């Protein structure tokens, strides 16, 4: 299929692909909230103060006061990363340019994406990028390189994604999921189609190829592409399409060392790869489809959605 051929060729040829900015869009300012509250001071700017207050509320730090900010700044979970973040992200102008391009593209493709402000933080969550009331928080402490010492307790499949190159794809994915959340319909095929639509959205917003949007190394992506038909056969024979089991969803969609439910060597979250191939097949014959319609439950939970993809790996 033409869509599959194009994206596969792009991914295999480019061993290292960066997501870039676009001169047609203005950069988006990222306010260094990590510097402000990391110094133990309440931000003077009202917008930054509100962002800090919301961060404290959702993080369990309590009300934003001189005392709570001071306690926050002294927390080991914050101070241990502060110097490393400052050293790694001395200049974020390129990141601001790339983010501006993502938001510029989103304004035309995904109208529900709304960002009231962007703030860098030392994130207390496993989630590296998150939104609260349309405020986007970027946990720079999650992107300090796979060899960063404090990441040593993470498994390899987690560590290999904690690199600066993952920032823009992760930001784009967070924005898409926040604006167009998955609405469970009970069937795994619907989840696959939704996840595939998210990957497609990340590709279009960032300019990244399929492998980068999915977070796979070139070797992992080559394995998936070479074994696509075999994995789809496993999906059919094991009757996974209409499963509603949580453990099946976790195996297919969540990060992990392998996707054992499909194949003992399949890279983690291989269900997202298949989901995007389903979306690619659909777009082969529905090229004028709006991106936001793919992220609607009216599409991915439709009884006819799978048939209309014409997927045949």
C-alpha atoms as a PDB file:
ATOM      1  CA  UNK A   1       0.000   0.000   0.000  1.00  0.00           C
ATOM      2  CA  UNK A   2       1.313   3.423  -0.892  1.00  0.00           C
ATOM      3  CA  UNK A   3       0.996   4.941   2.596  1.00  0.00           C
ATOM      4  CA  UNK A   4       2.775   2.000   4.210  1.00  0.00           C
ATOM      5  CA  UNK A   5       5.519   2.017   1.593  1.00  0.00           C
ATOM      6  CA  UNK A   6       6.263   5.698   2.100  1.00  0.00           C
ATOM      7  CA  UNK A   7       6.416   5.663   5.882  1.00  0.00           C
ATOM      8  CA  UNK A   8       8.405   2.441   5.997  1.00  0.00           C
ATOM      9  CA  UNK A   9      10.980   3.750   3.551  1.00  0.00           C
ATOM     10  CA  UNK A  10      11.360   6.993   5.461  1.00  0.00           C
ATOM     11  CA  UNK A  11      11.873   5.207   8.761  1.00  0.00           C
ATOM     12  CA  UNK A  12      14.346   2.614   7.525  1.00  0.00           C
ATOM     13  CA  UNK A  13      16.477   5.036   5.508  1.00  0.00           C
ATOM     14  CA  UNK A  14      16.855   7.521   8.359  1.00  0.00           C
ATOM     15  CA  UNK A  15      18.693   5.944  11.267  1.00  0.00           C
ATOM     16  CA  UNK A  16      18.407   9.153  13.259  1.00  0.00           C
ATOM     17  CA  UNK A  17      15.477  11.455  12.607  1.00  0.00           C
ATOM     18  CA  UNK A  18      14.952  14.729  14.402  1.00  0.00           C
ATOM     19  CA  UNK A  19      11.674  16.543  14.758  1.00  0.00           C
ATOM     20  CA  UNK A  20      12.110  20.089  13.591  1.00  0.00           C
ATOM     21  CA  UNK A  21      10.618  23.509  13.850  1.00  0.00           C
ATOM     22  CA  UNK A  22       9.124  25.461  11.002  1.00  0.00           C
ATOM     23  CA  UNK A  23      10.001  29.036  10.144  1.00  0.00           C
ATOM     24  CA  UNK A  24       6.356  29.650   9.188  1.00  0.00           C
ATOM     25  CA  UNK A  25       5.372  29.546  12.859  1.00  0.00           C
ATOM     26  CA  UNK A  26       6.560  31.759  15.714  1.00  0.00           C
ATOM     27  CA  UNK A  27       8.387  30.081  18.602  1.00  0.00           C
ATOM     28  CA  UNK A  28       6.437  29.335  21.773  1.00  0.00           C
ATOM     29  CA  UNK A  29       7.913  30.704  24.982  1.00  0.00           C
ATOM     30  CA  UNK A  30       8.663  28.118  27.658  1.00  0.00           C
ATOM     31  CA  UNK A  31       8.724  29.816  31.050  1.00  0.00           C
ATOM     32  CA  UNK A  32      11.415  28.389  33.324  1.00  0.00           C
ATOM     33  CA  UNK A  33       9.194  27.690  36.296  1.00  0.00           C
ATOM     34  CA  UNK A  34      11.791  25.153  37.426  1.00  0.00           C
ATOM     35  CA  UNK A  35      14.181  28.078  38.014  1.00  0.00           C
ATOM     36  CA  UNK A  36      11.625  30.240  39.793  1.00  0.00           C
ATOM     37  CA  UNK A  37      10.312  27.800  42.360  1.00  0.00           C
ATOM     38  CA  UNK A  38      13.567  25.844  42.381  1.00  0.00           C
ATOM     39  CA  UNK A  39      15.126  28.931  43.929  1.00  0.00           C
ATOM     40  CA  UNK A  40      12.523  28.752  46.690  1.00  0.00           C
ATOM     41  CA  UNK A  41      10.587  31.862  45.643  1.00  0.00           C
ATOM     42  CA  UNK A  42       6.969  32.415  44.674  1.00  0.00           C
ATOM     43  CA  UNK A  43       6.887  33.793  41.105  1.00  0.00           C
ATOM     44  CA  UNK A  44       6.143  37.510  40.904  1.00  0.00           C
ATOM     45  CA  UNK A  45       4.376  37.182  37.555  1.00  0.00           C
ATOM     46  CA  UNK A  46       0.682  36.379  38.041  1.00  0.00           C
ATOM     47  CA  UNK A  47       0.504  33.788  35.231  1.00  0.00           C
ATOM     48  CA  UNK A  48       3.585  31.961  36.517  1.00  0.00           C
ATOM     49  CA  UNK A  49       2.232  32.151  40.049  1.00  0.00           C
ATOM     50  CA  UNK A  50      -1.008  30.521  38.913  1.00  0.00           C
ATOM     51  CA  UNK A  51       0.964  27.830  37.083  1.00  0.00           C
ATOM     52  CA  UNK A  52       2.985  27.151  40.237  1.00  0.00           C
ATOM     53  CA  UNK A  53      -0.163  27.056  42.350  1.00  0.00           C
ATOM     54  CA  UNK A  54      -1.809  24.510  40.046  1.00  0.00           C
ATOM     55  CA  UNK A  55       1.365  22.433  39.991  1.00  0.00           C
ATOM     56  CA  UNK A  56       1.462  22.349  43.782  1.00  0.00           C
ATOM     57  CA  UNK A  57      -2.235  21.443  43.970  1.00  0.00           C
ATOM     58  CA  UNK A  58      -1.999  18.444  41.630  1.00  0.00           C
ATOM     59  CA  UNK A  59       1.371  17.346  43.029  1.00  0.00           C
ATOM     60  CA  UNK A  60       0.244  17.232  46.637  1.00  0.00           C
ATOM     61  CA  UNK A  61       2.584  20.009  47.797  1.00  0.00           C
ATOM     62  CA  UNK A  62      -0.277  21.983  49.281  1.00  0.00           C
ATOM     63  CA  UNK A  63      -1.050  25.670  48.989  1.00  0.00           C
ATOM     64  CA  UNK A  64       1.553  27.865  47.331  1.00  0.00           C
ATOM     65  CA  UNK A  65       3.210  29.769  50.186  1.00  0.00           C
ATOM     66  CA  UNK A  66       6.697  30.959  51.015  1.00  0.00           C
ATOM     67  CA  UNK A  67       7.068  27.974  53.318  1.00  0.00           C
ATOM     68  CA  UNK A  68       5.777  25.358  50.868  1.00  0.00           C
ATOM     69  CA  UNK A  69       7.964  26.686  48.057  1.00  0.00           C
ATOM     70  CA  UNK A  70      11.014  26.565  50.305  1.00  0.00           C
ATOM     71  CA  UNK A  71      10.210  22.993  51.324  1.00  0.00           C
ATOM     72  CA  UNK A  72       9.678  22.078  47.673  1.00  0.00           C
ATOM     73  CA  UNK A  73      13.039  23.511  46.614  1.00  0.00           C
ATOM     74  CA  UNK A  74      14.814  21.459  49.292  1.00  0.00           C
ATOM     75  CA  UNK A  75      13.134  18.174  48.412  1.00  0.00           C
ATOM     76  CA  UNK A  76      15.700  15.578  47.263  1.00  0.00           C
ATOM     77  CA  UNK A  77      13.425  14.632  44.362  1.00  0.00           C
ATOM     78  CA  UNK A  78      13.831  18.221  43.109  1.00  0.00           C
ATOM     79  CA  UNK A  79      17.321  19.234  44.171  1.00  0.00           C
ATOM     80  CA  UNK A  80      18.955  16.025  42.906  1.00  0.00           C
ATOM     81  CA  UNK A  81      17.968  16.907  39.337  1.00  0.00           C
ATOM     82  CA  UNK A  82      18.337  20.686  39.440  1.00  0.00           C
ATOM     83  CA  UNK A  83      22.003  20.994  38.434  1.00  0.00           C
ATOM     84  CA  UNK A  84      21.684  18.337  35.729  1.00  0.00           C
ATOM     85  CA  UNK A  85      18.653  20.078  34.203  1.00  0.00           C
ATOM     86  CA  UNK A  86      20.373  23.477  34.279  1.00  0.00           C
ATOM     87  CA  UNK A  87      23.438  21.994  32.596  1.00  0.00           C
ATOM     88  CA  UNK A  88      21.521  20.089  29.909  1.00  0.00           C
ATOM     89  CA  UNK A  89      19.025  22.837  29.095  1.00  0.00           C
ATOM     90  CA  UNK A  90      21.001  26.077  29.199  1.00  0.00           C
ATOM     91  CA  UNK A  91      19.462  27.185  25.889  1.00  0.00           C
ATOM     92  CA  UNK A  92      15.911  26.090  25.060  1.00  0.00           C
ATOM     93  CA  UNK A  93      15.427  28.331  22.018  1.00  0.00           C
ATOM     94  CA  UNK A  94      15.429  25.370  19.601  1.00  0.00           C
ATOM     95  CA  UNK A  95      12.852  23.580  21.729  1.00  0.00           C
ATOM     96  CA  UNK A  96      10.715  26.742  21.755  1.00  0.00           C
ATOM     97  CA  UNK A  97      10.922  26.909  17.958  1.00  0.00           C
ATOM     98  CA  UNK A  98       9.916  23.261  17.535  1.00  0.00           C
ATOM     99  CA  UNK A  99       7.074  23.645  20.027  1.00  0.00           C
ATOM    100  CA  UNK A 100       5.849  26.730  18.190  1.00  0.00           C
ATOM    101  CA  UNK A 101       5.669  24.676  14.989  1.00  0.00           C
ATOM    102  CA  UNK A 102       3.728  21.904  16.765  1.00  0.00           C
ATOM    103  CA  UNK A 103       1.182  24.363  18.125  1.00  0.00           C
ATOM    104  CA  UNK A 104       0.963  26.163  14.793  1.00  0.00           C
ATOM    105  CA  UNK A 105       0.174  22.945  12.954  1.00  0.00           C
ATOM    106  CA  UNK A 106      -2.273  21.908  15.671  1.00  0.00           C
ATOM    107  CA  UNK A 107      -4.285  25.107  15.192  1.00  0.00           C
ATOM    108  CA  UNK A 108      -5.241  23.916  11.716  1.00  0.00           C
ATOM    109  CA  UNK A 109      -5.404  20.171  12.305  1.00  0.00           C
ATOM    110  CA  UNK A 110      -6.697  19.707  15.846  1.00  0.00           C
ATOM    111  CA  UNK A 111      -8.868  22.638  16.918  1.00  0.00           C
ATOM    112  CA  UNK A 112      -9.462  21.303  20.443  1.00  0.00           C
ATOM    113  CA  UNK A 113      -5.780  21.653  21.337  1.00  0.00           C
ATOM    114  CA  UNK A 114      -5.578  24.696  23.604  1.00  0.00           C
ATOM    115  CA  UNK A 115      -2.488  25.867  25.458  1.00  0.00           C
ATOM    116  CA  UNK A 116      -2.720  28.782  27.886  1.00  0.00           C
ATOM    117  CA  UNK A 117       0.965  28.693  28.792  1.00  0.00           C
ATOM    118  CA  UNK A 118       4.007  26.419  28.776  1.00  0.00           C
ATOM    119  CA  UNK A 119       6.224  25.899  31.814  1.00  0.00           C
ATOM    120  CA  UNK A 120       9.303  23.782  32.401  1.00  0.00           C
ATOM    121  CA  UNK A 121       9.381  22.014  35.764  1.00  0.00           C
ATOM    122  CA  UNK A 122      11.083  19.315  37.762  1.00  0.00           C
ATOM    123  CA  UNK A 123       8.240  16.850  37.406  1.00  0.00           C
ATOM    124  CA  UNK A 124       7.303  14.820  40.490  1.00  0.00           C
ATOM    125  CA  UNK A 125       5.425  12.309  38.336  1.00  0.00           C
ATOM    126  CA  UNK A 126       6.437   9.354  36.215  1.00  0.00           C
ATOM    127  CA  UNK A 127       4.531  11.249  33.536  1.00  0.00           C
ATOM    128  CA  UNK A 128       7.057  13.596  31.963  1.00  0.00           C
ATOM    129  CA  UNK A 129       4.639  15.938  30.179  1.00  0.00           C
ATOM    130  CA  UNK A 130       1.166  16.824  31.416  1.00  0.00           C
ATOM    131  CA  UNK A 131      -1.502  19.514  31.236  1.00  0.00           C
ATOM    132  CA  UNK A 132      -3.638  21.144  33.904  1.00  0.00           C
ATOM    133  CA  UNK A 133      -6.344  23.644  32.904  1.00  0.00           C
ATOM    134  CA  UNK A 134      -4.733  24.096  29.461  1.00  0.00           C
ATOM    135  CA  UNK A 135      -1.335  24.799  31.041  1.00  0.00           C
ATOM    136  CA  UNK A 136       1.389  22.561  29.636  1.00  0.00           C
ATOM    137  CA  UNK A 137       4.088  21.368  32.048  1.00  0.00           C
ATOM    138  CA  UNK A 138       7.313  19.886  30.688  1.00  0.00           C
ATOM    139  CA  UNK A 139       9.339  17.826  33.164  1.00  0.00           C
ATOM    140  CA  UNK A 140      12.860  18.429  31.909  1.00  0.00           C
ATOM    141  CA  UNK A 141      14.227  16.049  34.541  1.00  0.00           C
ATOM    142  CA  UNK A 142      12.838  13.199  32.434  1.00  0.00           C
ATOM    143  CA  UNK A 143      15.074  13.999  29.454  1.00  0.00           C
ATOM    144  CA  UNK A 144      18.625  13.922  30.786  1.00  0.00           C
ATOM    145  CA  UNK A 145      19.925  10.990  28.723  1.00  0.00           C
ATOM    146  CA  UNK A 146      19.702   7.225  29.083  1.00  0.00           C
ATOM    147  CA  UNK A 147      23.011   7.072  30.992  1.00  0.00           C
ATOM    148  CA  UNK A 148      21.997   9.649  33.622  1.00  0.00           C
ATOM    149  CA  UNK A 149      22.850   8.086  36.988  1.00  0.00           C
ATOM    150  CA  UNK A 150      19.524   8.582  38.819  1.00  0.00           C
ATOM    151  CA  UNK A 151      17.769   6.689  36.008  1.00  0.00           C
ATOM    152  CA  UNK A 152      19.745   3.529  36.804  1.00  0.00           C
ATOM    153  CA  UNK A 153      16.819   1.863  38.585  1.00  0.00           C
ATOM    154  CA  UNK A 154      14.598   2.162  35.480  1.00  0.00           C
ATOM    155  CA  UNK A 155      14.451  -0.816  33.088  1.00  0.00           C
ATOM    156  CA  UNK A 156      16.201  -0.403  29.732  1.00  0.00           C
ATOM    157  CA  UNK A 157      12.997   0.161  27.765  1.00  0.00           C
ATOM    158  CA  UNK A 158      12.205   3.183  29.971  1.00  0.00           C
ATOM    159  CA  UNK A 159      15.741   4.600  30.110  1.00  0.00           C
ATOM    160  CA  UNK A 160      16.202   4.553  26.337  1.00  0.00           C
ATOM    161  CA  UNK A 161      13.309   7.013  25.965  1.00  0.00           C
ATOM    162  CA  UNK A 162      14.622   9.518  28.522  1.00  0.00           C
ATOM    163  CA  UNK A 163      16.568  11.534  25.970  1.00  0.00           C
ATOM    164  CA  UNK A 164      16.147  15.111  24.705  1.00  0.00           C
ATOM    165  CA  UNK A 165      15.074  13.862  21.265  1.00  0.00           C
ATOM    166  CA  UNK A 166      11.878  12.518  22.838  1.00  0.00           C
ATOM    167  CA  UNK A 167      10.747  15.931  24.110  1.00  0.00           C
ATOM    168  CA  UNK A 168       8.817  17.144  21.074  1.00  0.00           C
ATOM    169  CA  UNK A 169       7.122  13.799  20.236  1.00  0.00           C
ATOM    170  CA  UNK A 170       6.141  13.374  23.889  1.00  0.00           C
ATOM    171  CA  UNK A 171       4.800  16.923  24.092  1.00  0.00           C
ATOM    172  CA  UNK A 172       2.771  16.443  20.928  1.00  0.00           C
ATOM    173  CA  UNK A 173       1.353  13.153  22.195  1.00  0.00           C
ATOM    174  CA  UNK A 174       0.411  14.702  25.528  1.00  0.00           C
ATOM    175  CA  UNK A 175      -1.402  17.558  23.792  1.00  0.00           C
ATOM    176  CA  UNK A 176      -3.307  15.146  21.555  1.00  0.00           C
ATOM    177  CA  UNK A 177      -4.351  12.836  24.383  1.00  0.00           C
ATOM    178  CA  UNK A 178      -5.410  15.753  26.572  1.00  0.00           C
ATOM    179  CA  UNK A 179      -7.554  17.381  23.869  1.00  0.00           C
ATOM    180  CA  UNK A 180      -8.884  14.108  22.440  1.00  0.00           C
ATOM    181  CA  UNK A 181      -8.959  11.569  25.286  1.00  0.00           C
ATOM    182  CA  UNK A 182      -9.741   7.939  24.643  1.00  0.00           C
ATOM    183  CA  UNK A 183     -13.329   7.038  25.437  1.00  0.00           C
ATOM    184  CA  UNK A 184     -13.458   3.289  26.115  1.00  0.00           C
ATOM    185  CA  UNK A 185     -15.927   1.373  24.036  1.00  0.00           C
ATOM    186  CA  UNK A 186     -15.044  -2.087  25.289  1.00  0.00           C
ATOM    187  CA  UNK A 187     -13.353  -3.476  22.192  1.00  0.00           C
ATOM    188  CA  UNK A 188      -9.601  -3.723  21.664  1.00  0.00           C
ATOM    189  CA  UNK A 189      -9.958  -2.835  17.990  1.00  0.00           C
ATOM    190  CA  UNK A 190     -11.292   0.568  19.029  1.00  0.00           C
ATOM    191  CA  UNK A 191      -8.305   1.105  21.285  1.00  0.00           C
ATOM    192  CA  UNK A 192      -5.946   0.074  18.489  1.00  0.00           C
ATOM    193  CA  UNK A 193      -7.536   2.539  16.078  1.00  0.00           C
ATOM    194  CA  UNK A 194      -7.397   5.334  18.660  1.00  0.00           C
ATOM    195  CA  UNK A 195      -3.735   4.666  19.423  1.00  0.00           C
ATOM    196  CA  UNK A 196      -2.998   4.581  15.713  1.00  0.00           C
ATOM    197  CA  UNK A 197      -4.730   7.928  15.269  1.00  0.00           C
ATOM    198  CA  UNK A 198      -2.635   9.405  18.099  1.00  0.00           C
ATOM    199  CA  UNK A 199       0.541   8.230  16.345  1.00  0.00           C
ATOM    200  CA  UNK A 200      -0.673   9.757  13.077  1.00  0.00           C
ATOM    201  CA  UNK A 201      -1.359  13.033  14.885  1.00  0.00           C
ATOM    202  CA  UNK A 202       2.128  13.078  16.431  1.00  0.00           C
ATOM    203  CA  UNK A 203       3.662  12.516  12.996  1.00  0.00           C
ATOM    204  CA  UNK A 204       1.723  15.376  11.439  1.00  0.00           C
ATOM    205  CA  UNK A 205       2.298  17.798  14.307  1.00  0.00           C
ATOM    206  CA  UNK A 206       6.019  17.167  14.619  1.00  0.00           C
ATOM    207  CA  UNK A 207       7.160  16.141  11.147  1.00  0.00           C
ATOM    208  CA  UNK A 208       8.630  12.957  12.623  1.00  0.00           C
ATOM    209  CA  UNK A 209       8.402   9.593  10.907  1.00  0.00           C
ATOM    210  CA  UNK A 210       6.474   6.593  12.175  1.00  0.00           C
ATOM    211  CA  UNK A 211       9.339   4.990  14.084  1.00  0.00           C
ATOM    212  CA  UNK A 212      10.122   8.187  16.008  1.00  0.00           C
ATOM    213  CA  UNK A 213       6.465   8.904  16.751  1.00  0.00           C
ATOM    214  CA  UNK A 214       6.112   5.396  18.173  1.00  0.00           C
ATOM    215  CA  UNK A 215       9.389   5.658  20.095  1.00  0.00           C
ATOM    216  CA  UNK A 216      11.182   2.709  18.484  1.00  0.00           C
ATOM    217  CA  UNK A 217      14.828   2.325  17.614  1.00  0.00           C
ATOM    218  CA  UNK A 218      15.616   1.587  13.940  1.00  0.00           C
ATOM    219  CA  UNK A 219      16.263  -2.049  14.875  1.00  0.00           C
ATOM    220  CA  UNK A 220      12.953  -2.398  16.701  1.00  0.00           C
ATOM    221  CA  UNK A 221      11.072  -0.741  13.868  1.00  0.00           C
ATOM    222  CA  UNK A 222      12.702  -2.996  11.294  1.00  0.00           C
ATOM    223  CA  UNK A 223      11.600  -6.051  13.290  1.00  0.00           C
ATOM    224  CA  UNK A 224       8.030  -4.780  13.492  1.00  0.00           C
ATOM    225  CA  UNK A 225       7.882  -4.004   9.781  1.00  0.00           C
ATOM    226  CA  UNK A 226       9.300  -7.408   8.858  1.00  0.00           C
ATOM    227  CA  UNK A 227       6.880  -9.264  11.122  1.00  0.00           C
ATOM    228  CA  UNK A 228       3.750  -7.173  10.598  1.00  0.00           C
ATOM    229  CA  UNK A 229       1.768  -9.940   8.883  1.00  0.00           C
ATOM    230  CA  UNK A 230       2.723 -12.491  11.525  1.00  0.00           C
ATOM    231  CA  UNK A 231       1.635 -10.177  14.345  1.00  0.00           C
ATOM    232  CA  UNK A 232      -1.674  -9.447  12.641  1.00  0.00           C
ATOM    233  CA  UNK A 233      -2.223 -13.182  12.261  1.00  0.00           C
ATOM    234  CA  UNK A 234      -1.671 -13.550  16.026  1.00  0.00           C
ATOM    235  CA  UNK A 235      -4.203 -10.780  16.704  1.00  0.00           C
ATOM    236  CA  UNK A 236      -6.805 -12.611  14.629  1.00  0.00           C
ATOM    237  CA  UNK A 237      -6.071 -16.158  15.783  1.00  0.00           C
ATOM    238  CA  UNK A 238      -5.978 -15.181  19.469  1.00  0.00           C
ATOM    239  CA  UNK A 239      -9.207 -13.203  19.103  1.00  0.00           C
ATOM    240  CA  UNK A 240      -7.701 -10.062  20.543  1.00  0.00           C
ATOM    241  CA  UNK A 241      -9.650  -7.556  18.455  1.00  0.00           C
ATOM    242  CA  UNK A 242     -12.784  -7.819  20.562  1.00  0.00           C
ATOM    243  CA  UNK A 243     -11.121  -8.459  23.908  1.00  0.00           C
ATOM    244  CA  UNK A 244     -11.919  -6.130  26.777  1.00  0.00           C
ATOM    245  CA  UNK A 245      -9.371  -7.584  29.201  1.00  0.00           C
ATOM    246  CA  UNK A 246      -7.148  -5.049  30.969  1.00  0.00           C
ATOM    247  CA  UNK A 247      -4.109  -7.315  30.862  1.00  0.00           C
ATOM    248  CA  UNK A 248      -4.409  -7.629  27.082  1.00  0.00           C
ATOM    249  CA  UNK A 249      -4.640  -3.841  26.719  1.00  0.00           C
ATOM    250  CA  UNK A 250      -1.566  -3.371  28.911  1.00  0.00           C
ATOM    251  CA  UNK A 251       0.414  -5.907  26.914  1.00  0.00           C
ATOM    252  CA  UNK A 252      -0.554  -4.451  23.539  1.00  0.00           C
ATOM    253  CA  UNK A 253      -0.474  -0.728  24.274  1.00  0.00           C
ATOM    254  CA  UNK A 254       1.757   0.018  27.250  1.00  0.00           C
ATOM    255  CA  UNK A 255       5.556   0.386  27.207  1.00  0.00           C
ATOM    256  CA  UNK A 256       7.383  -2.793  28.069  1.00  0.00           C
ATOM    257  CA  UNK A 257      10.344  -4.943  27.080  1.00  0.00           C
ATOM    258  CA  UNK A 258       8.223  -7.082  24.707  1.00  0.00           C
ATOM    259  CA  UNK A 259       4.636  -7.551  23.536  1.00  0.00           C
ATOM    260  CA  UNK A 260       4.470 -11.193  24.494  1.00  0.00           C
ATOM    261  CA  UNK A 261       0.788 -11.574  23.624  1.00  0.00           C
ATOM    262  CA  UNK A 262       1.814 -11.185  19.955  1.00  0.00           C
ATOM    263  CA  UNK A 263       5.315 -12.625  19.777  1.00  0.00           C
ATOM    264  CA  UNK A 264       8.129 -13.274  22.292  1.00  0.00           C
ATOM    265  CA  UNK A 265      10.414 -10.940  20.317  1.00  0.00           C
ATOM    266  CA  UNK A 266       7.931  -8.184  19.492  1.00  0.00           C
ATOM    267  CA  UNK A 267       9.043  -4.821  20.951  1.00  0.00           C
ATOM    268  CA  UNK A 268       6.845  -3.336  23.656  1.00  0.00           C
ATOM    269  CA  UNK A 269       3.527  -1.660  22.790  1.00  0.00           C
ATOM    270  CA  UNK A 270       3.425  -3.341  19.375  1.00  0.00           C
ATOM    271  CA  UNK A 271      -0.348  -2.927  19.401  1.00  0.00           C
ATOM    272  CA  UNK A 272       0.214   0.790  18.728  1.00  0.00           C
ATOM    273  CA  UNK A 273       2.283  -0.095  15.664  1.00  0.00           C
ATOM    274  CA  UNK A 274      -0.541  -2.255  14.346  1.00  0.00           C
ATOM    275  CA  UNK A 275      -3.033   0.473  15.218  1.00  0.00           C
ATOM    276  CA  UNK A 276      -1.146   2.972  13.123  1.00  0.00           C
ATOM    277  CA  UNK A 277      -0.900   0.549  10.231  1.00  0.00           C
ATOM    278  CA  UNK A 278      -4.699   0.208  10.404  1.00  0.00           C
ATOM    279  CA  UNK A 279      -4.990   4.009  10.252  1.00  0.00           C
ATOM    280  CA  UNK A 280      -2.509   4.117   7.380  1.00  0.00           C
ATOM    281  CA  UNK A 281      -4.570   1.595   5.432  1.00  0.00           C
ATOM    282  CA  UNK A 282      -7.711   3.640   6.073  1.00  0.00           C
ATOM    283  CA  UNK A 283      -6.030   6.806   4.824  1.00  0.00           C
ATOM    284  CA  UNK A 284      -4.950   5.037   1.640  1.00  0.00           C
ATOM    285  CA  UNK A 285      -8.579   5.035   0.523  1.00  0.00           C
ATOM    286  CA  UNK A 286      -9.860   8.017   2.539  1.00  0.00           C
ATOM    287  CA  UNK A 287      -7.152  10.582   1.862  1.00  0.00           C
ATOM    288  CA  UNK A 288      -9.329  13.629   2.615  1.00  0.00           C
ATOM    289  CA  UNK A 289     -10.151  12.493   6.140  1.00  0.00           C
ATOM    290  CA  UNK A 290      -9.785  15.141   8.835  1.00  0.00           C
ATOM    291  CA  UNK A 291      -7.281  14.213  11.516  1.00  0.00           C
ATOM    292  CA  UNK A 292      -9.601  15.097  14.372  1.00  0.00           C
ATOM    293  CA  UNK A 293     -12.282  12.741  13.039  1.00  0.00           C
ATOM    294  CA  UNK A 294      -9.883   9.801  13.489  1.00  0.00           C
ATOM    295  CA  UNK A 295      -9.602  10.735  17.172  1.00  0.00           C
ATOM    296  CA  UNK A 296     -13.368  10.623  17.655  1.00  0.00           C
ATOM    297  CA  UNK A 297     -15.129   7.629  19.192  1.00  0.00           C
ATOM    298  CA  UNK A 298     -17.640   7.956  16.349  1.00  0.00           C
ATOM    299  CA  UNK A 299     -14.844   6.597  14.165  1.00  0.00           C
ATOM    300  CA  UNK A 300     -12.735   4.265  16.291  1.00  0.00           C
ATOM    301  CA  UNK A 301     -15.696   2.654  18.089  1.00  0.00           C
ATOM    302  CA  UNK A 302     -17.781   2.289  14.952  1.00  0.00           C
ATOM    303  CA  UNK A 303     -18.824  -1.265  14.102  1.00  0.00           C
ATOM    304  CA  UNK A 304     -17.648  -0.666  10.534  1.00  0.00           C
ATOM    305  CA  UNK A 305     -14.324   1.090  11.219  1.00  0.00           C
ATOM    306  CA  UNK A 306     -12.142  -1.996  10.908  1.00  0.00           C
ATOM    307  CA  UNK A 307     -13.753  -3.115   7.660  1.00  0.00           C
ATOM    308  CA  UNK A 308     -13.328   0.332   6.104  1.00  0.00           C
ATOM    309  CA  UNK A 309      -9.567   0.274   6.685  1.00  0.00           C
ATOM    310  CA  UNK A 310      -9.124  -2.500   4.130  1.00  0.00           C
ATOM    311  CA  UNK A 311      -6.055  -3.569   6.128  1.00  0.00           C
ATOM    312  CA  UNK A 312      -4.237  -6.521   4.600  1.00  0.00           C
ATOM    313  CA  UNK A 313      -0.551  -6.709   5.633  1.00  0.00           C
END
